[in-house]
């Protein structure tokens, strides 16, 4: 069969031709007119067949302690777990092997956990109740990569920074994100709340590379 022949190549002596035909590599002997399919076996490197079992002890990442001190949040290979310090159940808040969660942090009142996830297509902040009885709820829609989040003491607001060098806070009851400041020099990564949750203090790098301490009044 010579229909659909492609990629033909002849040897240096002009005696044999190899070509692709219907997905097979075929050799044609010009002297005998014999056609023979060529079987090719590919051996993978041994290390590609290895199976590795990852344990939480070896793969654990960023951690956060609950306000009561009785549980610990641990981000393990893109999954978020709540682990008891002594006795209790382990809770998996994300259960999403196709997405990555990170920077999980407990609200000051201990009721809610905030974390960053890319399940929406962008990195956004999600909230989940610490008892894990409801599905995580998305509270930001600003896009970009989030590189830090910080709860207000009233557990109703969150500060967060993006890779676009912008600093926001999100009012959780309304779901509205408010831009506090932006920089064309460096990331907005050093920030905090006042104890009454009314003020934000942060450091902004100026064009002369000097750092300014700034205050933002939410009211």
Foldseek 3Di string as FASTA:
>chain_A
DPPPWDDWDADPVRQKIWTADPNFIWIAGNVVRDIDTDDDDDDDDPVVPDDDDDDCVRFWDDKEAALVRQWMWTFGQQWIWIGGPPDDDIDTQPPCPPKGKDDWYAQLVRFKIWIWICPVVFTFIWIATPVNPDHIHTLADPGAAWDDKDHQNVNQKMWTWHPQQWIWMAGRVVSDIDTDDGAPPDHFDAKDADNVRFKIWTWDQDPVRDIDIDMDGND
